[in-house]
Protein backbone atom coordinates (compact mmCIF):
# COMPACT_ATOMS: atom_id res chain seq x y z
CA VAL A 1 -10.30 17.43 -17.17
CA GLY A 2 -6.80 18.36 -16.02
CA VAL A 3 -5.81 14.89 -14.90
CA ALA A 4 -7.37 13.67 -18.25
CA ARG A 5 -5.29 16.10 -20.37
CA ALA A 6 -1.93 15.28 -18.24
CA LEU A 7 -2.19 11.62 -19.04
CA ALA A 8 -3.31 12.10 -22.80
CA ALA A 9 0.37 12.56 -23.53
CA ASP A 10 0.77 8.85 -22.02
CA PRO A 11 3.42 10.06 -19.02
CA PRO A 12 5.08 7.69 -16.70
CA VAL A 13 3.33 7.34 -13.41
CA LEU A 14 4.72 6.83 -9.96
CA LEU A 15 2.50 5.40 -7.24
CA MET A 16 3.98 5.81 -3.84
CA ASP A 17 2.08 3.81 -0.80
CA GLU A 18 3.23 3.28 2.90
CA VAL A 19 2.33 -0.39 3.45
CA LEU A 20 1.91 -2.96 0.50
CA PHE A 21 -0.36 -6.08 2.02
CA THR A 22 -3.19 -7.45 -0.35
CA GLY A 23 -2.49 -5.28 -3.45
CA ARG A 24 -6.10 -4.36 -3.48
CA THR A 25 -5.20 -0.43 -2.92
CA VAL A 26 -2.45 -0.50 -5.53
CA ARG A 27 -5.35 -2.02 -8.04
CA ALA A 28 -7.95 0.42 -7.33
CA ALA A 29 -5.08 3.19 -8.30
CA ILE A 30 -4.12 1.82 -11.40
CA GLU A 31 -7.87 1.16 -12.17
CA ALA A 32 -8.39 4.89 -11.49
CA ILE A 33 -5.23 5.95 -13.52
CA ASN A 34 -6.60 4.05 -16.58
CA ASP A 35 -10.01 5.69 -16.17
CA VAL A 36 -8.72 8.90 -17.07
CA GLY A 37 -6.21 8.02 -19.62
CA ARG A 38 -3.11 5.80 -20.48
CA ALA A 39 -0.02 5.76 -18.63
CA ALA A 40 3.38 5.04 -20.35
CA SER A 41 4.49 3.02 -17.46
CA ILE A 42 3.25 2.80 -13.78
CA ARG A 43 5.89 2.20 -10.96
CA LEU A 44 5.27 1.36 -7.53
CA ALA A 45 7.49 2.55 -4.42
CA ILE A 46 6.42 1.54 -0.83
CA LEU A 47 8.05 1.95 2.50
CA PHE A 48 6.70 -1.49 3.78
CA ASP A 49 5.89 -4.65 2.11
CA ARG A 50 3.64 -7.01 4.47
CA GLY A 51 3.66 -9.99 1.89
CA CYS A 52 0.12 -11.65 1.92
CA ARG A 53 -0.63 -10.45 -1.56
CA GLU A 54 -4.10 -11.45 -2.91
CA LEU A 55 -3.12 -9.91 -6.32
CA PRO A 56 0.23 -10.06 -8.41
CA ILE A 57 1.56 -7.04 -7.90
CA GLN A 58 5.15 -6.34 -6.87
CA PRO A 59 6.66 -2.87 -5.77
CA ASP A 60 9.55 -1.56 -7.87
CA ALA A 61 11.17 -0.09 -4.51
CA CYS A 62 10.77 -1.40 -1.29
CA GLY A 63 11.84 0.30 2.23
CA ALA A 64 11.67 -2.95 4.48
CA LEU A 65 9.85 -6.34 4.48
CA VAL A 66 7.95 -6.93 7.37
CA GLN A 67 6.33 -10.44 8.07
CA LEU A 68 3.39 -10.15 10.82
CA PRO A 69 0.54 -12.63 11.32
CA ARG A 70 -1.95 -11.96 8.66
CA GLN A 71 -4.60 -10.64 11.45
CA ALA A 72 -1.90 -8.04 12.62
CA SER A 73 -2.14 -4.28 11.44
CA LEU A 74 0.91 -2.50 10.62
CA LEU A 75 0.59 1.29 11.58
CA VAL A 76 2.84 3.93 10.09
CA GLU A 77 2.72 7.51 11.68
CA PHE A 78 4.54 10.57 10.35
CA GLY A 79 5.43 13.27 12.51
CA ASP A 80 6.76 16.81 11.91
CA SER A 81 10.09 15.73 11.69
CA ALA A 82 11.95 12.48 10.67
CA GLU A 83 12.66 11.91 14.69
CA GLN A 84 8.85 11.77 14.98
CA ASP A 85 7.95 9.01 12.13
CA ARG A 86 7.53 5.37 13.20
CA ALA A 87 5.96 2.00 12.35
CA PHE A 88 4.69 -0.39 14.63
CA SER A 89 2.52 -3.58 14.68
CA VAL A 90 -0.62 -4.25 16.18
CA LEU A 91 -1.80 -7.62 17.08
CA PRO A 92 -5.82 -8.50 17.54
CA GLU A 93 -6.90 -8.78 21.00
CA ALA A 94 -7.53 -12.16 22.11
CA SER A 95 -11.40 -12.93 22.33
CA SER A 96 -12.79 -12.94 25.86
CA GLN A 97 -15.56 -15.15 24.81
CA THR A 98 -14.82 -18.62 26.27
CA ALA A 99 -15.98 -22.00 24.71
CA PRO A 100 -19.05 -23.69 26.06
CA ALA A 101 -18.47 -26.26 28.37
């Protein structure tokens, strides 16, 4: 109820996410906002943009564009201090199965 009342005044909304990849998570967040009311505007800020969008979603602010193979993962870890924060890519392991002879 509190969220619905807050959105009744059509406030601007700022969505923040660590990694933007396909855009599906952002779309789900926008749909959740629309379920409880109407926002005057929705802005998107992200730390890392992976590209490879499945949906037409673009961030308003982006920390860095990171180009990785589609099958790779980008992991972001936040520590207790800025010195402990880090991001790194993880490639899937090669299949240990061999093709039949």
